[in-house]
Protein backbone atom coordinates (compact mmCIF):
# COMPACT_ATOMS: atom_id res chain seq x y z
CA MET A 1 -6.90 -12.20 17.56
CA VAL A 2 -8.79 -8.93 17.41
CA GLN A 3 -12.36 -9.01 18.66
CA LEU A 4 -14.61 -6.09 17.83
CA THR A 5 -17.83 -6.19 19.81
CA ARG A 6 -18.67 -2.54 19.54
CA ILE A 7 -18.06 -0.39 16.47
CA TYR A 8 -18.54 3.08 17.92
CA THR A 9 -16.88 4.14 21.15
CA ARG A 10 -17.38 7.91 21.12
CA GLY A 11 -13.70 8.15 21.95
CA GLY A 12 -12.98 10.16 18.80
CA ASP A 13 -15.83 12.62 19.12
CA LYS A 14 -13.46 15.42 20.16
CA GLY A 15 -11.06 14.91 17.28
CA LYS A 16 -8.57 12.57 18.92
CA THR A 17 -7.77 8.90 18.44
CA SER A 18 -5.63 6.32 20.20
CA LEU A 19 -2.43 4.91 18.76
CA GLY A 20 -1.47 1.26 19.29
CA ASN A 21 0.45 2.19 22.42
CA GLY A 22 -2.61 3.94 23.93
CA ARG A 23 -1.33 7.48 23.41
CA ARG A 24 -4.06 9.90 22.31
CA VAL A 25 -3.28 12.13 19.31
CA PRO A 26 -5.28 14.44 17.04
CA LYS A 27 -6.93 12.66 14.14
CA HIS A 28 -4.90 14.87 11.81
CA ASP A 29 -1.60 13.68 13.34
CA SER A 30 0.96 12.73 10.65
CA ARG A 31 1.08 9.12 11.91
CA VAL A 32 -2.70 8.80 11.64
CA ALA A 33 -2.60 10.35 8.17
CA ALA A 34 0.02 7.80 7.06
CA TYR A 35 -1.88 4.72 8.20
CA GLY A 36 -5.15 6.24 7.02
CA THR A 37 -3.73 6.52 3.52
CA VAL A 38 -2.56 2.89 3.71
CA ASP A 39 -6.15 1.98 4.60
CA GLU A 40 -7.41 3.98 1.59
CA ALA A 41 -5.04 2.07 -0.71
CA ASN A 42 -6.31 -1.17 0.74
CA ALA A 43 -9.87 -0.18 -0.16
CA VAL A 44 -8.86 0.61 -3.75
CA ILE A 45 -7.14 -2.78 -4.00
CA GLY A 46 -10.39 -4.37 -2.78
CA ILE A 47 -12.17 -2.77 -5.74
CA ALA A 48 -9.47 -3.96 -8.12
CA ARG A 49 -9.95 -7.52 -6.85
CA LEU A 50 -13.50 -7.45 -8.21
CA HIS A 51 -11.87 -7.56 -11.66
CA THR A 52 -9.13 -10.15 -11.02
CA VAL A 53 -8.97 -13.94 -10.89
CA GLU A 54 -6.70 -16.66 -9.55
CA GLU A 55 -3.02 -15.73 -9.25
CA ALA A 56 -3.48 -11.94 -9.33
CA ASP A 57 -6.35 -12.14 -6.85
CA ALA A 58 -4.28 -14.32 -4.49
CA MET A 59 -1.37 -11.84 -4.64
CA LEU A 60 -3.72 -8.94 -3.93
CA ALA A 61 -5.31 -10.81 -1.04
CA ARG A 62 -1.86 -11.26 0.52
CA ILE A 63 -1.11 -7.59 -0.09
CA GLN A 64 -4.35 -6.51 1.58
CA ASN A 65 -3.42 -8.52 4.66
CA ASP A 66 0.09 -7.01 4.58
CA LEU A 67 -1.46 -3.54 4.45
CA PHE A 68 -3.25 -4.26 7.72
CA ASP A 69 0.12 -5.35 9.13
CA LEU A 70 1.56 -2.07 7.83
CA GLY A 71 -1.25 -0.11 9.44
CA ALA A 72 -0.55 -1.85 12.76
CA ASP A 73 3.16 -1.11 12.35
CA LEU A 74 2.49 2.58 11.71
CA CYS A 75 -0.15 2.80 14.44
CA THR A 76 2.32 1.68 17.11
CA PRO A 77 5.24 4.09 17.50
CA GLU A 78 8.56 2.31 17.97
CA ALA A 79 9.77 2.43 21.55
CA GLU A 80 13.47 3.02 22.14
CA ASP A 81 13.70 -0.19 24.17
CA GLU A 82 11.34 -2.20 21.98
CA GLN A 83 12.06 -5.91 22.05
CA PRO A 84 11.81 -7.89 18.78
CA GLY A 85 8.29 -9.18 18.32
CA ALA A 86 6.81 -6.78 20.88
CA ALA A 87 4.81 -5.04 18.14
CA LEU A 88 3.61 -6.19 14.73
CA ARG A 89 6.12 -4.83 12.23
CA ILE A 90 6.61 -5.31 8.48
CA ALA A 91 9.32 -7.94 8.01
CA ALA A 92 11.99 -8.42 5.34
CA GLY A 93 10.17 -11.50 4.01
CA GLN A 94 7.18 -9.41 3.04
CA VAL A 95 9.40 -7.06 0.98
CA GLU A 96 11.21 -10.02 -0.57
CA ARG A 97 7.92 -11.67 -1.58
CA LEU A 98 6.91 -8.51 -3.44
CA GLU A 99 10.25 -8.42 -5.24
CA GLN A 100 9.92 -12.05 -6.32
CA GLU A 101 6.39 -11.48 -7.61
CA ILE A 102 7.49 -8.33 -9.46
CA ASP A 103 10.36 -10.21 -11.13
CA ARG A 104 8.08 -13.10 -12.11
CA MET A 105 5.38 -10.87 -13.64
CA ASN A 106 7.83 -8.45 -15.28
CA ALA A 107 9.70 -11.26 -17.05
CA ALA A 108 6.65 -11.89 -19.26
CA LEU A 109 5.86 -8.25 -20.09
CA GLN A 110 6.42 -6.40 -23.32
CA PRO A 111 9.26 -3.87 -22.95
CA LEU A 112 8.18 -0.28 -22.42
CA ASN A 113 8.99 2.44 -24.96
CA SER A 114 6.87 5.14 -23.34
CA PHE A 115 5.25 6.01 -20.02
CA VAL A 116 2.05 4.15 -19.23
CA LEU A 117 -1.18 6.08 -18.64
CA PRO A 118 -3.63 4.65 -16.14
CA GLY A 119 -6.17 2.59 -18.03
CA GLY A 120 -6.65 -0.50 -20.12
CA THR A 121 -8.63 -3.11 -18.23
CA ALA A 122 -10.80 -2.25 -15.24
CA ALA A 123 -8.39 -4.12 -12.94
CA ALA A 124 -5.36 -2.29 -14.38
CA ALA A 125 -7.03 1.11 -13.99
CA GLN A 126 -7.88 0.37 -10.33
CA LEU A 127 -4.35 -0.86 -9.68
CA HIS A 128 -2.93 2.36 -11.11
CA LEU A 129 -5.20 4.25 -8.69
CA ALA A 130 -4.03 2.05 -5.82
CA ARG A 131 -0.42 2.72 -6.87
CA THR A 132 -0.90 6.48 -6.67
CA VAL A 133 -2.50 6.16 -3.23
CA ILE A 134 0.42 4.01 -2.06
CA ARG A 135 2.83 6.65 -3.38
CA ARG A 136 1.00 9.23 -1.27
CA ALA A 137 1.25 6.91 1.73
CA GLU A 138 4.98 6.62 1.04
CA ARG A 139 5.35 10.41 1.01
CA GLU A 140 3.44 10.65 4.30
CA MET A 141 5.53 7.85 5.82
CA THR A 142 8.84 9.44 4.81
CA ALA A 143 7.68 12.78 6.18
CA LEU A 144 6.74 11.01 9.43
CA ALA A 145 10.17 9.32 9.47
CA GLY A 146 11.71 12.79 9.40
CA GLU A 147 9.93 13.57 12.68
CA GLN A 148 10.01 10.26 14.55
CA PRO A 149 11.14 6.66 14.12
CA VAL A 150 9.43 4.56 11.43
CA ASN A 151 10.29 0.95 10.64
CA PRO A 152 12.62 1.19 7.58
CA LEU A 153 11.13 -2.07 6.24
CA ALA A 154 7.71 -0.41 6.23
CA ILE A 155 9.04 2.28 3.91
CA GLN A 156 10.74 -0.35 1.72
CA TYR A 157 7.47 -2.28 1.59
CA VAL A 158 5.40 0.64 0.26
CA ASN A 159 8.14 1.58 -2.22
CA ARG A 160 8.17 -1.98 -3.57
CA LEU A 161 4.37 -2.22 -3.45
CA SER A 162 3.93 0.71 -5.83
CA ASP A 163 6.24 -1.04 -8.28
CA HIS A 164 4.32 -4.28 -7.78
CA LEU A 165 0.99 -2.62 -8.53
CA PHE A 166 2.44 -0.98 -11.66
CA VAL A 167 3.80 -4.29 -12.95
CA MET A 168 0.60 -6.16 -12.08
CA ALA A 169 -1.46 -3.51 -13.91
CA ARG A 170 0.66 -4.11 -17.00
CA HIS A 171 0.38 -7.86 -16.50
CA LEU A 172 -3.43 -7.56 -16.40
CA ASN A 173 -3.32 -5.40 -19.52
CA ASP A 174 -2.66 -8.48 -21.64
CA GLY A 175 1.00 -8.62 -20.71
CA GLY A 176 1.42 -4.94 -21.57
CA ARG A 177 -0.12 -5.22 -25.02
CA ALA A 178 -3.25 -3.31 -23.87
CA ASP A 179 -1.29 -0.62 -22.00
CA VAL A 180 -2.36 2.93 -22.75
CA LEU A 181 0.84 4.74 -23.66
CA TRP A 182 1.67 8.42 -23.32
CA LYS A 183 2.20 10.21 -26.62
CA PRO A 184 4.24 13.30 -25.75
CA GLY A 185 2.78 16.47 -27.27
CA ALA A 186 0.08 14.53 -29.13
CA ASN A 187 -2.61 17.15 -28.54
CA ARG A 188 -0.71 20.37 -29.20
């Protein structure tokens, strides 16, 4: 268990931070940017939870915990000789849970005949914002993966999570009936 007894350490005062393996890197390092964006998405989901109840709130609570797991995964570079379980990594079961939840929610939704604009209920609007932040995290993670090893399941997780947040936003928009739809060229 993590125990935080002191919040400030002064260790980052010169623009560097420590990764999970102890290595010091600039705060603008691509790995730090990736897990920082995951943290940002987690905060947006926290706001969305102010507008959700029961099942949706429980799903989002699990996702928020997963996002801390994802941050830990990204914060600790994979070692070439890393033994299974040596570092906290996103696991296949977390991706599979998202897929099952997507399928369950999507089965009850109205079919789409246009693109959905962010909006509708307060929860849906916040989830659309969280989805776009997760997409940015995904871009940062795939860029990082082009430079150094990244857990492939971590990338699968964020890809699936953006879909999950989209479907949940529709679910919370009265099963898609309150979706705000794009009307191509409507304001020409």
